[in-house]
């Protein structure tokens, strides 16, 4: 009749989960700041090197 870890996470697990969520939010915010709009990616010159063997 011990405690179930899934229903009552320890303090350390709670802190770790909170830090993990904060890190995820920081990464998502950074990715959004560095995001290249789709309009700009369509201006790239297509890579045709793969056709050399045909």
Protein backbone atom coordinates (compact mmCIF):
# COMPACT_ATOMS: atom_id res chain seq x y z
CA UNK A 1 0.00 0.00 0.00
CA UNK A 2 2.59 2.50 -1.11
CA UNK A 3 2.08 5.80 -2.85
CA UNK A 4 1.46 5.70 -6.57
CA UNK A 5 4.09 7.75 -8.38
CA UNK A 6 1.80 8.50 -11.29
CA UNK A 7 -0.97 10.18 -9.30
CA UNK A 8 1.29 12.02 -6.81
CA UNK A 9 4.58 13.02 -8.45
CA UNK A 10 7.40 13.96 -6.11
CA UNK A 11 8.51 17.56 -5.67
CA UNK A 12 11.60 16.88 -7.79
CA UNK A 13 9.49 15.46 -10.60
CA UNK A 14 7.17 18.48 -10.44
CA UNK A 15 10.13 20.87 -10.68
CA UNK A 16 11.63 18.88 -13.54
CA UNK A 17 8.32 18.90 -15.44
CA UNK A 18 7.97 22.66 -14.93
CA UNK A 19 11.54 23.27 -16.15
CA UNK A 20 10.92 21.02 -19.15
CA UNK A 21 7.77 22.98 -20.06
CA UNK A 22 9.58 26.33 -19.68
CA UNK A 23 12.41 25.12 -21.91
CA UNK A 24 9.89 23.94 -24.51
CA UNK A 25 8.18 27.34 -24.49
CA UNK A 26 11.54 29.12 -24.89
CA UNK A 27 12.44 26.91 -27.85
CA UNK A 28 9.06 27.48 -29.49
CA UNK A 29 9.39 31.25 -29.02
CA UNK A 30 12.91 31.21 -30.47
CA UNK A 31 11.78 29.11 -33.44
CA UNK A 32 8.94 31.56 -34.10
CA UNK A 33 11.34 34.53 -34.01
CA UNK A 34 13.71 32.80 -36.45
CA UNK A 35 10.96 31.44 -38.70
CA UNK A 36 11.36 32.16 -42.41
CA UNK A 37 8.07 33.05 -44.11
CA UNK A 38 6.93 30.53 -46.74
CA UNK A 39 6.96 33.28 -49.38
CA UNK A 40 10.73 33.63 -48.94
CA UNK A 41 11.44 29.90 -49.13
CA UNK A 42 9.70 29.61 -52.52
CA UNK A 43 12.20 32.07 -54.04
CA UNK A 44 15.06 29.59 -53.67
CA UNK A 45 16.73 28.23 -56.81
CA UNK A 46 15.86 24.55 -57.22
CA UNK A 47 18.70 22.06 -56.82
CA UNK A 48 19.03 20.18 -60.12
CA UNK A 49 22.26 18.27 -59.43
CA UNK A 50 20.34 15.02 -59.08
CA UNK A 51 19.48 15.10 -62.83
CA UNK A 52 23.13 14.80 -63.92
CA UNK A 53 22.93 10.99 -64.03
CA UNK A 54 19.99 10.88 -66.44
